[in-house]
Amino acid sequence: MASCSRLFSIFLMVIPVVVMMTWPAFAENNNIDNALNNCDELSEFKKALVATGVIEELDPKASYSIFAPTNEYLAKIIKGEPSCLSSQQCKAEMATILRNHIVEGTINLREVAKQKTMVLSSISGHLITIAVLPNGDIIADGNDITMQQPMAGGVMLYEINGLIANPQEHADMHSINLE
């Protein structure tokens, strides 16, 4: 597997939005699966998409921009004894957060740079603010965008160094008792 390179850095900003939705089931999305296979440092994000069933909710014919947290950050939440992803309650909470990281359509950071800021709606309805800092770095909801990689099948993959979640979603994940 190839390793993704670091290209950008970012600042912290959180917008609280809570939306409850029902998700259609699609066959596994091979475009996203293949895109994530190319980045070792996003393997935990891919495991979480599969374990929660979120990957099956994504239409294989649609294009997506994915703001994927690194293993280092995601492991703080889904690792442990027992694993968060072995708990049904945790899977449901994690699925909500994972949907916050996915935007339908291909987002080009060059367009964001021209506008200085852009607000996107994730598939969960969470609003993600993409902004260009004065030093030229680009952030997604306050998280450094550390890699941008266009992939086959209409997938644009962005590696970020944190979670896109509102304060309540963060609190819900940290309050789950896995024992």
N, C-alpha and C. Protein backbone atom coordinates (compact mmCIF):
# COMPACT_ATOMS: atom_id res chain seq x y z
N MET A 1 0.83 -1.19 0.00
CA MET A 1 0.00 0.00 0.00
C MET A 1 0.87 1.25 0.00
N ALA A 2 0.46 2.23 -0.73
CA ALA A 2 1.20 3.48 -0.80
C ALA A 2 0.87 4.33 0.42
N SER A 3 1.77 5.16 0.82
CA SER A 3 1.56 6.06 1.94
C SER A 3 1.19 7.44 1.41
N CYS A 4 0.22 8.09 2.06
CA CYS A 4 -0.21 9.42 1.62
C CYS A 4 0.75 10.47 2.16
N SER A 5 1.07 11.47 1.36
CA SER A 5 1.99 12.53 1.78
C SER A 5 1.25 13.67 2.46
N ARG A 6 1.95 14.42 3.28
CA ARG A 6 1.38 15.58 4.00
C ARG A 6 1.52 16.82 3.13
N LEU A 7 0.41 17.57 2.90
CA LEU A 7 0.45 18.74 2.03
C LEU A 7 -0.05 20.03 2.68
N PHE A 8 -0.99 19.94 3.62
CA PHE A 8 -1.64 21.13 4.16
C PHE A 8 -1.68 21.08 5.69
N SER A 9 -2.02 22.19 6.38
CA SER A 9 -2.27 22.20 7.82
C SER A 9 -3.43 23.14 8.15
N ILE A 10 -4.05 23.01 9.41
CA ILE A 10 -5.30 23.73 9.70
C ILE A 10 -5.49 24.15 11.17
N PHE A 11 -6.57 24.89 11.49
CA PHE A 11 -6.93 25.49 12.77
C PHE A 11 -8.26 24.91 13.26
N LEU A 12 -8.72 25.16 14.51
CA LEU A 12 -9.91 24.50 15.07
C LEU A 12 -11.17 25.35 15.01
N MET A 13 -12.27 24.73 14.52
CA MET A 13 -13.57 25.39 14.41
C MET A 13 -14.63 24.29 14.42
N VAL A 14 -15.70 24.42 15.21
CA VAL A 14 -16.74 23.40 15.25
C VAL A 14 -18.10 24.08 15.11
N ILE A 15 -18.96 23.54 14.25
CA ILE A 15 -20.31 24.06 14.07
C ILE A 15 -21.28 22.98 14.54
N PRO A 16 -22.05 23.24 15.60
CA PRO A 16 -22.97 22.21 16.07
C PRO A 16 -24.22 22.09 15.20
N VAL A 17 -24.47 20.90 14.70
CA VAL A 17 -25.67 20.60 13.94
C VAL A 17 -26.01 19.14 14.22
N VAL A 18 -27.25 18.84 14.55
CA VAL A 18 -27.67 17.47 14.78
C VAL A 18 -28.81 17.15 13.82
N VAL A 19 -28.65 16.09 13.04
CA VAL A 19 -29.68 15.69 12.08
C VAL A 19 -29.85 14.18 12.17
N MET A 20 -31.07 13.72 12.23
CA MET A 20 -31.36 12.29 12.24
C MET A 20 -31.94 11.93 10.88
N MET A 21 -31.40 10.89 10.23
CA MET A 21 -31.88 10.50 8.91
C MET A 21 -31.89 8.99 8.77
N THR A 22 -32.64 8.49 7.80
CA THR A 22 -32.61 7.09 7.43
C THR A 22 -31.80 7.00 6.14
N TRP A 23 -30.95 5.96 6.03
CA TRP A 23 -30.02 5.87 4.91
C TRP A 23 -30.39 4.70 4.00
N PRO A 24 -30.39 4.91 2.68
CA PRO A 24 -30.65 3.81 1.76
C PRO A 24 -29.47 2.85 1.74
N ALA A 25 -29.73 1.60 1.45
CA ALA A 25 -28.65 0.61 1.37
C ALA A 25 -28.26 0.39 -0.08
N PHE A 26 -26.97 0.49 -0.36
CA PHE A 26 -26.41 0.23 -1.68
C PHE A 26 -25.42 -0.92 -1.55
N ALA A 27 -25.04 -1.48 -2.65
CA ALA A 27 -23.96 -2.46 -2.64
C ALA A 27 -22.69 -1.74 -2.21
N GLU A 28 -21.70 -2.49 -1.79
CA GLU A 28 -20.45 -1.88 -1.35
C GLU A 28 -19.91 -0.93 -2.41
N ASN A 29 -19.41 0.19 -1.98
CA ASN A 29 -18.89 1.21 -2.89
C ASN A 29 -17.42 0.93 -3.15
N ASN A 30 -17.12 0.29 -4.28
CA ASN A 30 -15.75 -0.09 -4.60
C ASN A 30 -14.86 1.11 -4.87
N ASN A 31 -15.41 2.22 -5.38
CA ASN A 31 -14.59 3.41 -5.62
C ASN A 31 -14.00 3.93 -4.31
N ILE A 32 -14.81 4.01 -3.28
CA ILE A 32 -14.34 4.49 -1.98
C ILE A 32 -13.44 3.45 -1.34
N ASP A 33 -13.82 2.20 -1.42
CA ASP A 33 -13.00 1.12 -0.88
C ASP A 33 -11.61 1.15 -1.51
N ASN A 34 -11.54 1.26 -2.82
CA ASN A 34 -10.25 1.30 -3.52
C ASN A 34 -9.46 2.56 -3.16
N ALA A 35 -10.13 3.69 -3.05
CA ALA A 35 -9.44 4.93 -2.69
C ALA A 35 -8.79 4.82 -1.33
N LEU A 36 -9.49 4.26 -0.37
CA LEU A 36 -8.95 4.14 0.98
C LEU A 36 -7.88 3.05 1.09
N ASN A 37 -7.91 2.07 0.20
CA ASN A 37 -6.87 1.04 0.20
C ASN A 37 -5.50 1.62 -0.12
N ASN A 38 -5.45 2.77 -0.78
CA ASN A 38 -4.19 3.38 -1.18
C ASN A 38 -3.52 4.19 -0.09
N CYS A 39 -4.14 4.32 1.07
CA CYS A 39 -3.57 5.16 2.14
C CYS A 39 -3.52 4.40 3.46
N ASP A 40 -2.34 3.97 3.82
CA ASP A 40 -2.15 3.22 5.07
C ASP A 40 -2.68 3.98 6.28
N GLU A 41 -2.44 5.30 6.33
CA GLU A 41 -2.82 6.06 7.51
C GLU A 41 -4.31 6.34 7.61
N LEU A 42 -5.11 5.80 6.68
CA LEU A 42 -6.56 5.93 6.75
C LEU A 42 -7.25 4.58 6.90
N SER A 43 -6.50 3.55 7.24
CA SER A 43 -7.06 2.18 7.33
C SER A 43 -8.12 2.06 8.42
N GLU A 44 -7.98 2.78 9.53
CA GLU A 44 -8.98 2.72 10.61
C GLU A 44 -10.29 3.37 10.16
N PHE A 45 -10.21 4.43 9.38
CA PHE A 45 -11.42 5.06 8.84
C PHE A 45 -12.16 4.07 7.94
N LYS A 46 -11.41 3.37 7.09
CA LYS A 46 -12.03 2.38 6.21
C LYS A 46 -12.68 1.27 7.03
N LYS A 47 -11.98 0.77 8.05
CA LYS A 47 -12.55 -0.28 8.91
C LYS A 47 -13.85 0.20 9.56
N ALA A 48 -13.85 1.45 10.00
CA ALA A 48 -15.05 2.00 10.65
C ALA A 48 -16.20 2.13 9.65
N LEU A 49 -15.91 2.57 8.41
CA LEU A 49 -16.96 2.66 7.39
C LEU A 49 -17.60 1.30 7.14
N VAL A 50 -16.78 0.26 7.10
CA VAL A 50 -17.27 -1.10 6.85
C VAL A 50 -18.03 -1.61 8.08
N ALA A 51 -17.44 -1.49 9.27
CA ALA A 51 -18.05 -2.02 10.49
C ALA A 51 -19.39 -1.38 10.81
N THR A 52 -19.54 -0.10 10.51
CA THR A 52 -20.79 0.60 10.79
C THR A 52 -21.82 0.49 9.67
N GLY A 53 -21.39 0.01 8.50
CA GLY A 53 -22.28 -0.11 7.35
C GLY A 53 -22.42 1.18 6.55
N VAL A 54 -21.71 2.22 6.93
CA VAL A 54 -21.83 3.50 6.22
C VAL A 54 -21.38 3.35 4.76
N ILE A 55 -20.37 2.53 4.50
CA ILE A 55 -19.90 2.37 3.12
C ILE A 55 -20.99 1.83 2.22
N GLU A 56 -21.91 1.03 2.79
CA GLU A 56 -23.01 0.46 2.00
C GLU A 56 -24.11 1.48 1.72
N GLU A 57 -24.10 2.60 2.42
CA GLU A 57 -25.09 3.65 2.21
C GLU A 57 -24.73 4.56 1.03
N LEU A 58 -23.48 4.47 0.57
CA LEU A 58 -22.99 5.38 -0.47
C LEU A 58 -23.25 4.83 -1.86
N ASP A 59 -23.89 5.62 -2.68
CA ASP A 59 -24.25 5.22 -4.04
C ASP A 59 -22.97 5.07 -4.87
N PRO A 60 -22.70 3.88 -5.41
CA PRO A 60 -21.48 3.68 -6.19
C PRO A 60 -21.44 4.52 -7.47
N LYS A 61 -22.59 5.05 -7.90
CA LYS A 61 -22.62 5.87 -9.11
C LYS A 61 -22.40 7.36 -8.82
N ALA A 62 -22.40 7.73 -7.54
CA ALA A 62 -22.24 9.13 -7.15
C ALA A 62 -20.77 9.45 -6.91
N SER A 63 -20.44 10.73 -6.98
CA SER A 63 -19.08 11.16 -6.63
C SER A 63 -19.12 11.72 -5.21
N TYR A 64 -18.01 11.57 -4.50
CA TYR A 64 -17.93 12.01 -3.11
C TYR A 64 -16.60 12.67 -2.82
N SER A 65 -16.63 13.60 -1.88
CA SER A 65 -15.42 14.15 -1.27
C SER A 65 -15.42 13.64 0.16
N ILE A 66 -14.32 13.01 0.54
CA ILE A 66 -14.23 12.40 1.87
C ILE A 66 -13.12 13.08 2.65
N PHE A 67 -13.47 13.57 3.84
CA PHE A 67 -12.51 14.19 4.74
C PHE A 67 -12.23 13.15 5.83
N ALA A 68 -11.24 12.31 5.59
CA ALA A 68 -10.99 11.15 6.44
C ALA A 68 -9.97 11.45 7.54
N PRO A 69 -10.33 11.18 8.80
CA PRO A 69 -9.38 11.37 9.89
C PRO A 69 -8.30 10.29 9.85
N THR A 70 -7.10 10.66 10.27
CA THR A 70 -5.98 9.72 10.27
C THR A 70 -6.19 8.63 11.32
N ASN A 71 -5.46 7.53 11.16
CA ASN A 71 -5.50 6.44 12.13
C ASN A 71 -5.18 6.94 13.53
N GLU A 72 -4.18 7.81 13.62
CA GLU A 72 -3.75 8.31 14.92
C GLU A 72 -4.91 8.94 15.69
N TYR A 73 -5.69 9.75 15.00
CA TYR A 73 -6.79 10.41 15.68
C TYR A 73 -7.98 9.47 15.87
N LEU A 74 -8.35 8.73 14.86
CA LEU A 74 -9.51 7.86 14.94
C LEU A 74 -9.28 6.73 15.95
N ALA A 75 -8.05 6.26 16.08
CA ALA A 75 -7.74 5.17 17.01
C ALA A 75 -8.02 5.56 18.46
N LYS A 76 -7.97 6.84 18.77
CA LYS A 76 -8.27 7.29 20.13
C LYS A 76 -9.71 6.99 20.50
N ILE A 77 -10.57 6.86 19.50
CA ILE A 77 -11.98 6.62 19.75
C ILE A 77 -12.37 5.16 19.54
N ILE A 78 -11.90 4.52 18.47
CA ILE A 78 -12.39 3.18 18.14
C ILE A 78 -11.52 2.05 18.68
N LYS A 79 -10.36 2.35 19.20
CA LYS A 79 -9.50 1.30 19.76
C LYS A 79 -9.87 1.07 21.21
N GLY A 80 -9.25 0.07 21.78
CA GLY A 80 -9.44 -0.21 23.19
C GLY A 80 -9.92 -1.62 23.39
N GLU A 81 -10.03 -2.00 24.63
CA GLU A 81 -10.52 -3.32 24.98
C GLU A 81 -11.83 -3.16 25.72
N PRO A 82 -12.93 -3.59 25.24
CA PRO A 82 -13.13 -4.07 23.87
C PRO A 82 -13.17 -2.90 22.89
N SER A 83 -13.05 -3.21 21.62
CA SER A 83 -13.08 -2.18 20.60
C SER A 83 -14.44 -1.50 20.56
N CYS A 84 -14.43 -0.22 20.34
CA CYS A 84 -15.66 0.56 20.21
C CYS A 84 -16.56 -0.05 19.13
N LEU A 85 -15.97 -0.52 18.05
CA LEU A 85 -16.76 -1.03 16.94
C LEU A 85 -17.36 -2.40 17.20
N SER A 86 -17.11 -2.99 18.37
CA SER A 86 -17.76 -4.24 18.73
C SER A 86 -19.04 -3.98 19.54
N SER A 87 -19.29 -2.73 19.86
CA SER A 87 -20.48 -2.33 20.61
C SER A 87 -21.52 -1.74 19.65
N GLN A 88 -22.76 -2.23 19.72
CA GLN A 88 -23.82 -1.70 18.84
C GLN A 88 -24.06 -0.21 19.09
N GLN A 89 -24.04 0.20 20.37
CA GLN A 89 -24.25 1.61 20.69
C GLN A 89 -23.15 2.46 20.07
N CYS A 90 -21.92 1.99 20.17
CA CYS A 90 -20.79 2.74 19.62
C CYS A 90 -20.87 2.79 18.09
N LYS A 91 -21.25 1.68 17.47
CA LYS A 91 -21.37 1.66 16.00
C LYS A 91 -22.36 2.71 15.52
N ALA A 92 -23.47 2.84 16.22
CA ALA A 92 -24.49 3.82 15.82
C ALA A 92 -23.95 5.24 15.97
N GLU A 93 -23.29 5.52 17.09
CA GLU A 93 -22.71 6.85 17.30
C GLU A 93 -21.61 7.13 16.29
N MET A 94 -20.77 6.13 16.02
CA MET A 94 -19.67 6.29 15.07
C MET A 94 -20.21 6.49 13.66
N ALA A 95 -21.27 5.79 13.28
CA ALA A 95 -21.86 5.95 11.95
C ALA A 95 -22.30 7.39 11.74
N THR A 96 -22.91 7.99 12.75
CA THR A 96 -23.32 9.40 12.66
C THR A 96 -22.12 10.29 12.39
N ILE A 97 -21.04 10.07 13.13
CA ILE A 97 -19.84 10.88 12.96
C ILE A 97 -19.19 10.63 11.60
N LEU A 98 -19.14 9.38 11.15
CA LEU A 98 -18.53 9.08 9.85
C LEU A 98 -19.27 9.79 8.72
N ARG A 99 -20.58 9.84 8.78
CA ARG A 99 -21.36 10.52 7.74
C ARG A 99 -21.02 12.01 7.67
N ASN A 100 -20.58 12.58 8.80
CA ASN A 100 -20.18 13.99 8.82
C ASN A 100 -18.96 14.24 7.94
N HIS A 101 -18.19 13.22 7.65
CA HIS A 101 -16.94 13.35 6.90
C HIS A 101 -17.10 13.18 5.39
N ILE A 102 -18.32 12.96 4.93
CA ILE A 102 -18.55 12.64 3.52
C ILE A 102 -19.51 13.66 2.91
N VAL A 103 -19.08 14.24 1.80
CA VAL A 103 -19.88 15.23 1.07
C VAL A 103 -20.13 14.66 -0.33
N GLU A 104 -21.38 14.70 -0.77
CA GLU A 104 -21.66 14.26 -2.13
C GLU A 104 -21.14 15.31 -3.11
N GLY A 105 -20.44 14.85 -4.14
CA GLY A 105 -19.84 15.74 -5.12
C GLY A 105 -18.35 15.88 -4.89
N THR A 106 -17.66 16.32 -5.92
CA THR A 106 -16.22 16.49 -5.85
C THR A 106 -15.90 17.93 -5.51
N ILE A 107 -15.21 18.14 -4.41
CA ILE A 107 -14.83 19.47 -3.95
C ILE A 107 -13.38 19.71 -4.33
N ASN A 108 -13.12 20.80 -5.00
CA ASN A 108 -11.76 21.15 -5.41
C ASN A 108 -11.25 22.27 -4.52
N LEU A 109 -10.13 22.03 -3.84
CA LEU A 109 -9.59 23.03 -2.92
C LEU A 109 -9.13 24.30 -3.64
N ARG A 110 -8.82 24.23 -4.93
CA ARG A 110 -8.47 25.44 -5.67
C ARG A 110 -9.65 26.41 -5.72
N GLU A 111 -10.86 25.86 -5.86
CA GLU A 111 -12.06 26.69 -5.85
C GLU A 111 -12.27 27.31 -4.47
N VAL A 112 -12.02 26.53 -3.43
CA VAL A 112 -12.15 27.06 -2.07
C VAL A 112 -11.15 28.20 -1.87
N ALA A 113 -9.93 28.01 -2.36
CA ALA A 113 -8.88 29.04 -2.20
C ALA A 113 -9.30 30.35 -2.85
N LYS A 114 -10.00 30.28 -3.97
CA LYS A 114 -10.45 31.51 -4.64
C LYS A 114 -11.49 32.24 -3.80
N GLN A 115 -12.34 31.46 -3.12
CA GLN A 115 -13.43 32.05 -2.33
C GLN A 115 -13.03 32.33 -0.88
N LYS A 116 -11.94 31.76 -0.42
CA LYS A 116 -11.43 31.88 0.96
C LYS A 116 -12.19 31.05 1.97
N THR A 117 -13.47 30.81 1.74
CA THR A 117 -14.25 29.97 2.64
C THR A 117 -15.42 29.37 1.88
N MET A 118 -15.83 28.19 2.30
CA MET A 118 -16.95 27.50 1.66
C MET A 118 -17.62 26.65 2.73
N VAL A 119 -18.94 26.62 2.75
CA VAL A 119 -19.67 25.78 3.68
C VAL A 119 -20.33 24.67 2.87
N LEU A 120 -20.04 23.43 3.27
CA LEU A 120 -20.55 22.24 2.59
C LEU A 120 -21.49 21.49 3.52
N SER A 121 -22.43 20.78 2.94
CA SER A 121 -23.31 19.94 3.74
C SER A 121 -22.90 18.48 3.54
N SER A 122 -22.60 17.81 4.64
CA SER A 122 -22.23 16.40 4.57
C SER A 122 -23.48 15.56 4.32
N ILE A 123 -23.30 14.28 4.09
CA ILE A 123 -24.46 13.41 3.85
C ILE A 123 -25.32 13.27 5.09
N SER A 124 -24.81 13.65 6.26
CA SER A 124 -25.61 13.63 7.49
C SER A 124 -26.33 14.95 7.71
N GLY A 125 -26.00 15.97 6.89
CA GLY A 125 -26.55 17.29 7.08
C GLY A 125 -25.67 18.20 7.93
N HIS A 126 -24.57 17.67 8.43
CA HIS A 126 -23.62 18.49 9.21
C HIS A 126 -22.97 19.50 8.27
N LEU A 127 -22.91 20.74 8.69
CA LEU A 127 -22.28 21.77 7.88
C LEU A 127 -20.78 21.79 8.16
N ILE A 128 -19.99 21.67 7.11
CA ILE A 128 -18.53 21.66 7.21
C ILE A 128 -18.02 22.96 6.62
N THR A 129 -17.27 23.71 7.41
CA THR A 129 -16.67 24.94 6.92
C THR A 129 -15.26 24.65 6.44
N ILE A 130 -15.02 24.92 5.16
CA ILE A 130 -13.68 24.80 4.58
C ILE A 130 -13.17 26.22 4.46
N ALA A 131 -11.99 26.48 4.99
CA ALA A 131 -11.47 27.86 4.98
C ALA A 131 -9.98 27.87 4.68
N VAL A 132 -9.56 28.96 4.08
CA VAL A 132 -8.14 29.18 3.80
C VAL A 132 -7.64 30.16 4.85
N LEU A 133 -6.59 29.77 5.57
CA LEU A 133 -5.99 30.63 6.58
C LEU A 133 -5.08 31.65 5.92
N PRO A 134 -4.75 32.73 6.61
CA PRO A 134 -3.87 33.75 6.02
C PRO A 134 -2.53 33.20 5.50
N ASN A 135 -2.03 32.13 6.12
CA ASN A 135 -0.76 31.55 5.66
C ASN A 135 -0.93 30.60 4.46
N GLY A 136 -2.18 30.43 3.98
CA GLY A 136 -2.44 29.59 2.82
C GLY A 136 -2.87 28.17 3.17
N ASP A 137 -2.74 27.78 4.43
CA ASP A 137 -3.20 26.45 4.84
C ASP A 137 -4.72 26.38 4.72
N ILE A 138 -5.23 25.17 4.50
CA ILE A 138 -6.67 24.98 4.35
C ILE A 138 -7.16 24.07 5.47
N ILE A 139 -8.31 24.46 6.05
CA ILE A 139 -8.88 23.69 7.15
C ILE A 139 -10.29 23.22 6.80
N ALA A 140 -10.68 22.09 7.39
CA ALA A 140 -12.03 21.56 7.28
C ALA A 140 -12.59 21.43 8.69
N ASP A 141 -13.51 22.28 9.04
CA ASP A 141 -14.08 22.31 10.39
C ASP A 141 -13.00 22.36 11.46
N GLY A 142 -11.97 23.15 11.19
CA GLY A 142 -10.90 23.35 12.15
C GLY A 142 -9.81 22.29 12.14
N ASN A 143 -9.92 21.31 11.27
CA ASN A 143 -8.93 20.23 11.19
C ASN A 143 -8.00 20.48 10.01
N ASP A 144 -6.71 20.26 10.25
CA ASP A 144 -5.73 20.39 9.17
C ASP A 144 -6.05 19.43 8.04
N ILE A 145 -6.09 19.92 6.83
CA ILE A 145 -6.14 19.03 5.67
C ILE A 145 -4.67 18.76 5.33
N THR A 146 -4.25 17.52 5.55
CA THR A 146 -2.84 17.18 5.42
C THR A 146 -2.51 16.47 4.13
N MET A 147 -3.53 16.13 3.36
CA MET A 147 -3.33 15.45 2.09
C MET A 147 -4.57 15.61 1.24
N GLN A 148 -4.38 15.77 -0.05
CA GLN A 148 -5.48 15.79 -1.02
C GLN A 148 -5.11 14.82 -2.11
N GLN A 149 -6.03 13.90 -2.43
CA GLN A 149 -5.73 12.91 -3.45
C GLN A 149 -6.97 12.60 -4.27
N PRO A 150 -6.99 13.00 -5.55
CA PRO A 150 -8.12 12.60 -6.40
C PRO A 150 -8.00 11.10 -6.70
N MET A 151 -9.12 10.41 -6.66
CA MET A 151 -9.13 8.97 -6.90
C MET A 151 -10.06 8.65 -8.06
N ALA A 152 -9.95 7.46 -8.57
CA ALA A 152 -10.82 7.01 -9.66
C ALA A 152 -12.27 6.93 -9.17
N GLY A 153 -13.19 6.99 -10.10
CA GLY A 153 -14.59 6.81 -9.78
C GLY A 153 -15.25 8.00 -9.11
N GLY A 154 -14.69 9.19 -9.28
CA GLY A 154 -15.33 10.38 -8.73
C GLY A 154 -15.14 10.57 -7.23
N VAL A 155 -14.08 10.01 -6.67
CA VAL A 155 -13.81 10.16 -5.24
C VAL A 155 -12.64 11.13 -5.06
N MET A 156 -12.85 12.15 -4.22
CA MET A 156 -11.77 13.06 -3.84
C MET A 156 -11.51 12.78 -2.36
N LEU A 157 -10.29 12.41 -2.05
CA LEU A 157 -9.94 12.01 -0.70
C LEU A 157 -9.06 13.07 -0.05
N TYR A 158 -9.49 13.53 1.14
CA TYR A 158 -8.74 14.49 1.93
C TYR A 158 -8.42 13.85 3.27
N GLU A 159 -7.17 13.89 3.67
CA GLU A 159 -6.78 13.39 4.98
C GLU A 159 -6.80 14.56 5.95
N ILE A 160 -7.45 14.37 7.11
CA ILE A 160 -7.51 15.43 8.12
C ILE A 160 -7.00 14.90 9.45
N ASN A 161 -6.65 15.82 10.34
CA ASN A 161 -6.07 15.40 11.62
C ASN A 161 -7.05 15.52 12.79
N GLY A 162 -8.30 15.23 12.56
CA GLY A 162 -9.29 15.28 13.63
C GLY A 162 -10.63 14.77 13.16
N LEU A 163 -11.63 14.90 14.02
CA LEU A 163 -12.98 14.48 13.68
C LEU A 163 -13.83 15.67 13.32
N ILE A 164 -14.77 15.45 12.42
CA ILE A 164 -15.79 16.45 12.11
C ILE A 164 -17.04 16.01 12.87
N ALA A 165 -17.26 16.66 13.99
CA ALA A 165 -18.39 16.31 14.85
C ALA A 165 -18.73 17.52 15.71
N ASN A 166 -19.99 17.65 16.04
CA ASN A 166 -20.38 18.73 16.94
C ASN A 166 -20.06 18.31 18.37
N PRO A 167 -20.09 19.24 19.31
CA PRO A 167 -19.72 18.91 20.69
C PRO A 167 -20.55 17.77 21.29
N GLN A 168 -21.83 17.69 20.96
CA GLN A 168 -22.67 16.61 21.51
C GLN A 168 -22.23 15.25 20.97
N GLU A 169 -21.89 15.19 19.68
CA GLU A 169 -21.42 13.93 19.11
C GLU A 169 -20.10 13.50 19.75
N HIS A 170 -19.19 14.45 19.99
CA HIS A 170 -17.94 14.14 20.70
C HIS A 170 -18.26 13.59 22.08
N ALA A 171 -19.15 14.26 22.80
CA ALA A 171 -19.51 13.83 24.16
C ALA A 171 -20.15 12.45 24.14
N ASP A 172 -21.03 12.19 23.17
CA ASP A 172 -21.69 10.89 23.08
C ASP A 172 -20.67 9.77 22.89
N MET A 173 -19.66 10.00 22.05
CA MET A 173 -18.63 8.97 21.81
C MET A 173 -17.82 8.71 23.07
N HIS A 174 -17.50 9.75 23.80
CA HIS A 174 -16.67 9.60 24.99
C HIS A 174 -17.44 9.06 26.18
N SER A 175 -18.78 9.09 26.15
CA SER A 175 -19.57 8.62 27.27
C SER A 175 -19.97 7.16 27.16
N ILE A 176 -19.67 6.52 26.04
CA ILE A 176 -20.07 5.13 25.84
C ILE A 176 -19.23 4.23 26.75
N ASN A 177 -19.92 3.40 27.53
CA ASN A 177 -19.25 2.44 28.41
C ASN A 177 -19.14 1.12 27.66
N LEU A 178 -17.93 0.71 27.34
CA LEU A 178 -17.73 -0.50 26.52
C LEU A 178 -17.65 -1.77 27.34
N GLU A 179 -17.67 -1.67 28.64
CA GLU A 179 -17.50 -2.88 29.46
C GLU A 179 -18.81 -3.48 29.86
